Amino acid sequence: MGDKTASFSIKNWSNDDQPREKLRDKGKSALSDSELVAILIGSGSRYESAVDLSKRILASVDNHLNELGKLSIKQLMAFKGIGEAKAITISAALELGRRRRAEEALERRKIASSLNAYELLQPILGDLPHEEFWIVFLNNSNKVLNKHQLSKGGITGTLVDVRLVLKMALEVGATGLILAHNHPSGNLKPSEADKNLTNKLQQAAQSLDIKVLDHLIITDKKYFSFADQNLM
C-alpha cells in the first residue's frame, strides 16, 4: 500500500506526465486546467493521481474555473485527498487569477459601451454571494477616474447616500457615473427599487452637470444595462 501511495506523487511520474516539468519545457499554455490544478495540490490520494483528483474536482463544477473559484475551503475539503492546506492553495490561486483579471480590465480604462463596463465590474461583482452597489466615476472622455463600493447587502434607497455620491464625484472631477450592482440569484430583471434609485441619482446629478450614463445589473455570466434598454 505504501508503494502505491508513493507512485501517485508527482515526483514519481514519468517526465512526460509531470505537469511541473511540462510547464517548464513546453510553457504554461501547454497544460490543461487539471494539470495546472495538479501542480497546486502536488499529490493526490493513495487511490488516484493529482491530475485525476483535479479532473474530478473540475468535473464537479462542469470544468468552469469561475465556478471552482466560488467553492469554499470546506467544499474543497469534501474531496478525498484535499486537506485544508491544499484547499487554501487552490482558493488562493483562483483569487489571484480573479484579481489579475480585474487589473487587466482596469487597464482598458475607457468605457465606450455597456460591455466595457461589465468587463470592468464583473470580476468584482460577478461571484459575490451577497449584493453590493458600486459606482464608477468617469471624466468627459469616459475614462475611469475611480470606482467605489457604496453599499453592501442590498440597494434600497436608504443604503445609498446620494449626497455622498455627488461629493465623491466632485472630488475626483467626474462628469459621468456608471451605477452597478449584482444579483447573486442570477435574475437580471431590475426591481422597482433599482429603477427608483437610478432615477433619484440621475435627477440629483443633473443639477451638477454630471450624467448618470448607465446602471448595470451583473451576474457571473450576464448583465442588464439600463441604457441599452432605454431605461435611462
C-alpha atoms as a PDB file:
ATOM      1  CA  MET A   1       0.000   0.000   0.000  1.00  0.00           C
ATOM      2  CA  GLY A   2       2.875   2.365   0.815  1.00  0.00           C
ATOM      3  CA  ASP A   3       4.386   1.806  -2.655  1.00  0.00           C
ATOM      4  CA  LYS A   4       1.052   2.575  -4.275  1.00  0.00           C
ATOM      5  CA  THR A   5       0.774   5.799  -2.306  1.00  0.00           C
ATOM      6  CA  ALA A   6       4.255   6.866  -3.357  1.00  0.00           C
ATOM      7  CA  SER A   7       3.578   6.072  -7.005  1.00  0.00           C
ATOM      8  CA  PHE A   8       0.907   8.773  -7.157  1.00  0.00           C
ATOM      9  CA  SER A   9       3.270  11.571  -6.111  1.00  0.00           C
ATOM     10  CA  ILE A  10       4.131  13.904  -8.999  1.00  0.00           C
ATOM     11  CA  LYS A  11       7.831  13.269  -8.375  1.00  0.00           C
ATOM     12  CA  ASN A  12       7.425   9.605  -9.341  1.00  0.00           C
ATOM     13  CA  TRP A  13       5.595  10.123 -12.627  1.00  0.00           C
ATOM     14  CA  SER A  14       7.355   9.757 -15.949  1.00  0.00           C
ATOM     15  CA  ASN A  15       8.786  13.008 -17.315  1.00  0.00           C
ATOM     16  CA  ASP A  16       6.046  13.244 -19.953  1.00  0.00           C
ATOM     17  CA  ASP A  17       3.373  13.079 -17.234  1.00  0.00           C
ATOM     18  CA  GLN A  18       4.853  15.565 -14.785  1.00  0.00           C
ATOM     19  CA  PRO A  19       2.982  18.853 -15.106  1.00  0.00           C
ATOM     20  CA  ARG A  20       5.741  20.884 -13.440  1.00  0.00           C
ATOM     21  CA  GLU A  21       8.284  19.713 -15.994  1.00  0.00           C
ATOM     22  CA  LYS A  22       5.749  20.081 -18.796  1.00  0.00           C
ATOM     23  CA  LEU A  23       5.202  23.717 -17.835  1.00  0.00           C
ATOM     24  CA  ARG A  24       8.950  24.303 -17.666  1.00  0.00           C
ATOM     25  CA  ASP A  25       9.726  22.626 -21.002  1.00  0.00           C
ATOM     26  CA  LYS A  26       6.626  23.430 -23.083  1.00  0.00           C
ATOM     27  CA  GLY A  27       5.214  26.575 -21.485  1.00  0.00           C
ATOM     28  CA  LYS A  28       2.170  27.179 -19.308  1.00  0.00           C
ATOM     29  CA  SER A  29      -0.269  27.269 -22.224  1.00  0.00           C
ATOM     30  CA  ALA A  30       0.529  23.614 -22.976  1.00  0.00           C
ATOM     31  CA  LEU A  31      -1.074  22.466 -19.725  1.00  0.00           C
ATOM     32  CA  SER A  32      -4.726  21.625 -19.242  1.00  0.00           C
ATOM     33  CA  ASP A  33      -6.716  23.142 -16.384  1.00  0.00           C
ATOM     34  CA  SER A  34      -6.489  19.872 -14.464  1.00  0.00           C
ATOM     35  CA  GLU A  35      -2.698  19.771 -14.874  1.00  0.00           C
ATOM     36  CA  LEU A  36      -2.406  23.329 -13.556  1.00  0.00           C
ATOM     37  CA  VAL A  37      -4.566  22.469 -10.531  1.00  0.00           C
ATOM     38  CA  ALA A  38      -2.461  19.320 -10.042  1.00  0.00           C
ATOM     39  CA  ILE A  39       0.644  21.499  -9.682  1.00  0.00           C
ATOM     40  CA  LEU A  40      -1.145  23.427  -6.943  1.00  0.00           C
ATOM     41  CA  ILE A  41      -2.090  20.355  -4.925  1.00  0.00           C
ATOM     42  CA  GLY A  42       1.176  18.455  -5.580  1.00  0.00           C
ATOM     43  CA  SER A  43      -0.156  14.961  -4.912  1.00  0.00           C
ATOM     44  CA  GLY A  44      -3.396  13.050  -4.975  1.00  0.00           C
ATOM     45  CA  SER A  45      -4.664  10.386  -2.633  1.00  0.00           C
ATOM     46  CA  ARG A  46      -3.417   6.822  -2.366  1.00  0.00           C
ATOM     47  CA  TYR A  47      -6.025   5.846  -4.951  1.00  0.00           C
ATOM     48  CA  GLU A  48      -5.614   8.489  -7.651  1.00  0.00           C
ATOM     49  CA  SER A  49      -3.050  10.884  -9.094  1.00  0.00           C
ATOM     50  CA  ALA A  50      -3.117  14.622  -8.558  1.00  0.00           C
ATOM     51  CA  VAL A  51      -4.278  15.092 -12.162  1.00  0.00           C
ATOM     52  CA  ASP A  52      -7.121  12.588 -11.730  1.00  0.00           C
ATOM     53  CA  LEU A  53      -8.134  14.251  -8.476  1.00  0.00           C
ATOM     54  CA  SER A  54      -8.026  17.646 -10.212  1.00  0.00           C
ATOM     55  CA  LYS A  55     -10.162  16.309 -13.058  1.00  0.00           C
ATOM     56  CA  ARG A  56     -12.723  15.077 -10.535  1.00  0.00           C
ATOM     57  CA  ILE A  57     -12.835  18.451  -8.769  1.00  0.00           C
ATOM     58  CA  LEU A  58     -13.205  20.332 -12.064  1.00  0.00           C
ATOM     59  CA  ALA A  59     -15.894  17.906 -13.279  1.00  0.00           C
ATOM     60  CA  SER A  60     -17.962  18.786 -10.194  1.00  0.00           C
ATOM     61  CA  VAL A  61     -18.187  22.392 -11.451  1.00  0.00           C
ATOM     62  CA  ASP A  62     -18.652  21.430 -15.125  1.00  0.00           C
ATOM     63  CA  ASN A  63     -14.998  22.366 -15.799  1.00  0.00           C
ATOM     64  CA  HIS A  64     -15.668  26.076 -15.184  1.00  0.00           C
ATOM     65  CA  LEU A  65     -12.817  27.829 -13.387  1.00  0.00           C
ATOM     66  CA  ASN A  66     -15.126  30.672 -12.319  1.00  0.00           C
ATOM     67  CA  GLU A  67     -17.321  28.144 -10.526  1.00  0.00           C
ATOM     68  CA  LEU A  68     -14.262  26.496  -8.973  1.00  0.00           C
ATOM     69  CA  GLY A  69     -13.280  29.889  -7.579  1.00  0.00           C
ATOM     70  CA  LYS A  70     -16.620  30.087  -5.756  1.00  0.00           C
ATOM     71  CA  LEU A  71     -16.066  26.896  -3.748  1.00  0.00           C
ATOM     72  CA  SER A  72     -15.343  27.434  -0.071  1.00  0.00           C
ATOM     73  CA  ILE A  73     -12.455  25.802   1.787  1.00  0.00           C
ATOM     74  CA  LYS A  74     -14.953  23.413   3.371  1.00  0.00           C
ATOM     75  CA  GLN A  75     -16.429  22.451  -0.006  1.00  0.00           C
ATOM     76  CA  LEU A  76     -12.969  21.777  -1.450  1.00  0.00           C
ATOM     77  CA  MET A  77     -12.057  19.656   1.565  1.00  0.00           C
ATOM     78  CA  ALA A  78     -15.064  17.416   0.851  1.00  0.00           C
ATOM     79  CA  PHE A  79     -12.988  15.832  -1.948  1.00  0.00           C
ATOM     80  CA  LYS A  80     -10.972  12.857  -0.736  1.00  0.00           C
ATOM     81  CA  GLY A  81      -7.300  13.801  -0.965  1.00  0.00           C
ATOM     82  CA  ILE A  82      -7.874  17.533  -0.386  1.00  0.00           C
ATOM     83  CA  GLY A  83      -6.893  18.690   3.087  1.00  0.00           C
ATOM     84  CA  GLU A  84      -7.019  22.195   4.454  1.00  0.00           C
ATOM     85  CA  ALA A  85      -3.600  23.225   3.081  1.00  0.00           C
ATOM     86  CA  LYS A  86      -4.429  22.079  -0.461  1.00  0.00           C
ATOM     87  CA  ALA A  87      -7.871  23.706  -0.319  1.00  0.00           C
ATOM     88  CA  ILE A  88      -6.328  27.002   0.786  1.00  0.00           C
ATOM     89  CA  THR A  89      -3.742  26.795  -2.021  1.00  0.00           C
ATOM     90  CA  ILE A  90      -6.434  26.268  -4.659  1.00  0.00           C
ATOM     91  CA  SER A  91      -8.555  29.085  -3.227  1.00  0.00           C
ATOM     92  CA  ALA A  92      -5.583  31.478  -3.130  1.00  0.00           C
ATOM     93  CA  ALA A  93      -4.581  30.679  -6.716  1.00  0.00           C
ATOM     94  CA  LEU A  94      -8.100  31.272  -8.045  1.00  0.00           C
ATOM     95  CA  GLU A  95      -8.325  34.548  -6.113  1.00  0.00           C
ATOM     96  CA  LEU A  96      -5.052  35.716  -7.690  1.00  0.00           C
ATOM     97  CA  GLY A  97      -6.499  34.886 -11.094  1.00  0.00           C
ATOM     98  CA  ARG A  98      -9.634  36.881 -10.310  1.00  0.00           C
ATOM     99  CA  ARG A  99      -7.568  39.888  -9.180  1.00  0.00           C
ATOM    100  CA  ARG A 100      -5.379  39.700 -12.270  1.00  0.00           C
ATOM    101  CA  ARG A 101      -8.475  39.733 -14.443  1.00  0.00           C
ATOM    102  CA  ALA A 102      -9.763  42.771 -12.552  1.00  0.00           C
ATOM    103  CA  GLU A 103      -6.463  44.605 -13.097  1.00  0.00           C
ATOM    104  CA  GLU A 104      -6.454  43.783 -16.805  1.00  0.00           C
ATOM    105  CA  ALA A 105      -9.985  45.134 -17.096  1.00  0.00           C
ATOM    106  CA  LEU A 106      -8.971  48.303 -15.282  1.00  0.00           C
ATOM    107  CA  GLU A 107      -6.153  48.878 -17.791  1.00  0.00           C
ATOM    108  CA  ARG A 108      -8.791  49.180 -20.525  1.00  0.00           C
ATOM    109  CA  ARG A 109      -9.842  52.370 -18.874  1.00  0.00           C
ATOM    110  CA  LYS A 110     -12.076  53.940 -21.499  1.00  0.00           C
ATOM    111  CA  ILE A 111     -15.715  52.890 -21.187  1.00  0.00           C
ATOM    112  CA  ALA A 112     -17.262  53.045 -24.641  1.00  0.00           C
ATOM    113  CA  SER A 113     -20.135  50.600 -24.108  1.00  0.00           C
ATOM    114  CA  SER A 114     -22.083  48.668 -21.504  1.00  0.00           C
ATOM    115  CA  LEU A 115     -19.900  45.654 -22.334  1.00  0.00           C
ATOM    116  CA  ASN A 116     -16.765  47.613 -21.388  1.00  0.00           C
ATOM    117  CA  ALA A 117     -18.370  48.498 -18.059  1.00  0.00           C
ATOM    118  CA  TYR A 118     -19.372  44.868 -17.487  1.00  0.00           C
ATOM    119  CA  GLU A 119     -15.821  43.674 -18.193  1.00  0.00           C
ATOM    120  CA  LEU A 120     -14.543  46.146 -15.607  1.00  0.00           C
ATOM    121  CA  LEU A 121     -17.054  45.209 -12.920  1.00  0.00           C
ATOM    122  CA  GLN A 122     -17.759  41.506 -13.431  1.00  0.00           C
ATOM    123  CA  PRO A 123     -14.539  40.373 -11.714  1.00  0.00           C
ATOM    124  CA  ILE A 124     -15.538  42.458  -8.691  1.00  0.00           C
ATOM    125  CA  LEU A 125     -19.253  41.660  -8.503  1.00  0.00           C
ATOM    126  CA  GLY A 126     -19.915  38.547 -10.558  1.00  0.00           C
ATOM    127  CA  ASP A 127     -19.066  35.874  -7.986  1.00  0.00           C
ATOM    128  CA  LEU A 128     -20.313  37.507  -4.777  1.00  0.00           C
ATOM    129  CA  PRO A 129     -22.883  35.623  -2.651  1.00  0.00           C
ATOM    130  CA  HIS A 130     -24.371  38.944  -1.459  1.00  0.00           C
ATOM    131  CA  GLU A 131     -25.412  42.189  -3.146  1.00  0.00           C
ATOM    132  CA  GLU A 132     -23.067  45.147  -3.446  1.00  0.00           C
ATOM    133  CA  PHE A 133     -23.621  48.545  -5.034  1.00  0.00           C
ATOM    134  CA  TRP A 134     -20.698  50.206  -6.847  1.00  0.00           C
ATOM    135  CA  ILE A 135     -20.187  53.439  -8.718  1.00  0.00           C
ATOM    136  CA  VAL A 136     -17.655  54.078 -11.490  1.00  0.00           C
ATOM    137  CA  PHE A 137     -16.587  57.720 -11.878  1.00  0.00           C
ATOM    138  CA  LEU A 138     -15.680  58.862 -15.415  1.00  0.00           C
ATOM    139  CA  ASN A 139     -14.173  62.001 -16.905  1.00  0.00           C
ATOM    140  CA  ASN A 140     -15.513  63.735 -20.018  1.00  0.00           C
ATOM    141  CA  SER A 141     -13.627  61.228 -22.228  1.00  0.00           C
ATOM    142  CA  ASN A 142     -15.390  58.340 -20.470  1.00  0.00           C
ATOM    143  CA  LYS A 143     -12.138  57.226 -18.877  1.00  0.00           C
ATOM    144  CA  VAL A 144     -12.273  55.666 -15.430  1.00  0.00           C
ATOM    145  CA  LEU A 145     -11.191  58.028 -12.676  1.00  0.00           C
ATOM    146  CA  ASN A 146     -12.173  55.848  -9.752  1.00  0.00           C
ATOM    147  CA  LYS A 147     -14.569  53.131  -8.659  1.00  0.00           C
ATOM    148  CA  HIS A 148     -16.101  52.771  -5.223  1.00  0.00           C
ATOM    149  CA  GLN A 149     -18.271  50.351  -3.250  1.00  0.00           C
ATOM    150  CA  LEU A 150     -21.159  52.358  -1.845  1.00  0.00           C
ATOM    151  CA  SER A 151     -23.137  49.696  -0.023  1.00  0.00           C
ATOM    152  CA  LYS A 152     -23.105  46.004   0.793  1.00  0.00           C
ATOM    153  CA  GLY A 153     -26.017  43.677   1.386  1.00  0.00           C
ATOM    154  CA  GLY A 154     -28.755  45.474  -0.521  1.00  0.00           C
ATOM    155  CA  ILE A 155     -29.556  48.544  -2.615  1.00  0.00           C
ATOM    156  CA  THR A 156     -32.611  50.175  -1.117  1.00  0.00           C
ATOM    157  CA  GLY A 157     -32.640  53.960  -1.268  1.00  0.00           C
ATOM    158  CA  THR A 158     -31.784  54.211   2.418  1.00  0.00           C
ATOM    159  CA  LEU A 159     -28.479  52.395   1.849  1.00  0.00           C
ATOM    160  CA  VAL A 160     -27.308  54.694  -0.953  1.00  0.00           C
ATOM    161  CA  ASP A 161     -26.343  58.191   0.149  1.00  0.00           C
ATOM    162  CA  VAL A 162     -26.919  60.430  -2.883  1.00  0.00           C
ATOM    163  CA  ARG A 163     -25.065  63.329  -1.280  1.00  0.00           C
ATOM    164  CA  LEU A 164     -22.004  61.131  -0.715  1.00  0.00           C
ATOM    165  CA  VAL A 165     -22.067  60.010  -4.349  1.00  0.00           C
ATOM    166  CA  LEU A 166     -22.133  63.592  -5.607  1.00  0.00           C
ATOM    167  CA  LYS A 167     -19.477  64.692  -3.113  1.00  0.00           C
ATOM    168  CA  MET A 168     -17.147  61.940  -4.331  1.00  0.00           C
ATOM    169  CA  ALA A 169     -17.912  62.794  -7.967  1.00  0.00           C
ATOM    170  CA  LEU A 170     -16.960  66.427  -7.405  1.00  0.00           C
ATOM    171  CA  GLU A 171     -13.801  65.485  -5.516  1.00  0.00           C
ATOM    172  CA  VAL A 172     -12.452  63.379  -8.400  1.00  0.00           C
ATOM    173  CA  GLY A 173     -13.716  65.740 -11.098  1.00  0.00           C
ATOM    174  CA  ALA A 174     -16.150  63.233 -12.581  1.00  0.00           C
ATOM    175  CA  THR A 175     -18.582  64.270 -15.287  1.00  0.00           C
ATOM    176  CA  GLY A 176     -20.135  60.837 -15.725  1.00  0.00           C
ATOM    177  CA  LEU A 177     -21.251  57.988 -13.471  1.00  0.00           C
ATOM    178  CA  ILE A 178     -21.978  54.330 -14.060  1.00  0.00           C
ATOM    179  CA  LEU A 179     -24.023  52.592 -11.382  1.00  0.00           C
ATOM    180  CA  ALA A 180     -23.732  48.863 -10.865  1.00  0.00           C
ATOM    181  CA  HIS A 181     -24.915  46.160  -8.525  1.00  0.00           C
ATOM    182  CA  ASN A 182     -25.063  42.398  -8.635  1.00  0.00           C
ATOM    183  CA  HIS A 183     -27.885  39.906  -8.333  1.00  0.00           C
ATOM    184  CA  PRO A 184     -26.491  36.716  -6.724  1.00  0.00           C
ATOM    185  CA  SER A 185     -29.732  34.926  -7.674  1.00  0.00           C
ATOM    186  CA  GLY A 186     -28.810  35.269 -11.357  1.00  0.00           C
ATOM    187  CA  ASN A 187     -32.045  37.147 -12.102  1.00  0.00           C
ATOM    188  CA  LEU A 188     -31.312  40.122 -14.360  1.00  0.00           C
ATOM    189  CA  LYS A 189     -34.724  41.786 -14.108  1.00  0.00           C
ATOM    190  CA  PRO A 190     -34.485  45.240 -12.457  1.00  0.00           C
ATOM    191  CA  SER A 191     -36.686  45.762  -9.402  1.00  0.00           C
ATOM    192  CA  GLU A 192     -38.761  48.867  -8.700  1.00  0.00           C
ATOM    193  CA  ALA A 193     -36.122  49.804  -6.108  1.00  0.00           C
ATOM    194  CA  ASP A 194     -33.434  49.574  -8.814  1.00  0.00           C
ATOM    195  CA  LYS A 195     -35.438  51.871 -11.101  1.00  0.00           C
ATOM    196  CA  ASN A 196     -36.282  54.369  -8.346  1.00  0.00           C
ATOM    197  CA  LEU A 197     -32.669  54.588  -7.214  1.00  0.00           C
ATOM    198  CA  THR A 198     -31.478  55.156 -10.781  1.00  0.00           C
ATOM    199  CA  ASN A 199     -33.955  57.992 -11.261  1.00  0.00           C
ATOM    200  CA  LYS A 200     -33.071  59.517  -7.887  1.00  0.00           C
ATOM    201  CA  LEU A 201     -29.353  59.611  -8.656  1.00  0.00           C
ATOM    202  CA  GLN A 202     -29.934  60.760 -12.222  1.00  0.00           C
ATOM    203  CA  GLN A 203     -32.024  63.753 -11.140  1.00  0.00           C
ATOM    204  CA  ALA A 204     -29.635  64.735  -8.342  1.00  0.00           C
ATOM    205  CA  ALA A 205     -26.542  64.506 -10.585  1.00  0.00           C
ATOM    206  CA  GLN A 206     -28.157  66.511 -13.382  1.00  0.00           C
ATOM    207  CA  SER A 207     -28.198  69.656 -11.231  1.00  0.00           C
ATOM    208  CA  LEU A 208     -24.390  69.469 -11.090  1.00  0.00           C
ATOM    209  CA  ASP A 209     -23.967  68.738 -14.817  1.00  0.00           C
ATOM    210  CA  ILE A 210     -22.973  65.151 -14.028  1.00  0.00           C
ATOM    211  CA  LYS A 211     -24.506  62.460 -16.211  1.00  0.00           C
ATOM    212  CA  VAL A 212     -25.563  59.032 -14.988  1.00  0.00           C
ATOM    213  CA  LEU A 213     -24.633  57.092 -18.123  1.00  0.00           C
ATOM    214  CA  ASP A 214     -25.813  53.609 -17.193  1.00  0.00           C
ATOM    215  CA  HIS A 215     -26.863  51.246 -14.433  1.00  0.00           C
ATOM    216  CA  LEU A 216     -25.730  47.641 -14.768  1.00  0.00           C
ATOM    217  CA  ILE A 217     -27.171  44.601 -13.051  1.00  0.00           C
ATOM    218  CA  ILE A 218     -24.430  41.985 -13.018  1.00  0.00           C
ATOM    219  CA  THR A 219     -24.352  38.215 -12.613  1.00  0.00           C
ATOM    220  CA  ASP A 220     -21.438  35.851 -13.111  1.00  0.00           C
ATOM    221  CA  LYS A 221     -22.016  35.445 -16.851  1.00  0.00           C
ATOM    222  CA  LYS A 222     -24.502  38.114 -17.986  1.00  0.00           C
ATOM    223  CA  TYR A 223     -25.594  41.675 -17.369  1.00  0.00           C
ATOM    224  CA  PHE A 224     -28.538  44.008 -17.820  1.00  0.00           C
ATOM    225  CA  SER A 225     -27.929  47.589 -18.990  1.00  0.00           C
ATOM    226  CA  PHE A 226     -30.496  50.300 -18.216  1.00  0.00           C
ATOM    227  CA  ALA A 227     -29.044  52.428 -21.040  1.00  0.00           C
ATOM    228  CA  ASP A 228     -29.210  49.616 -23.613  1.00  0.00           C
ATOM    229  CA  GLN A 229     -32.849  49.013 -22.663  1.00  0.00           C
ATOM    230  CA  ASN A 230     -33.712  52.741 -22.860  1.00  0.00           C
ATOM    231  CA  LEU A 231     -34.485  52.968 -19.145  1.00  0.00           C
ATOM    232  CA  MET A 232     -32.230  55.978 -18.516  1.00  0.00           C
END
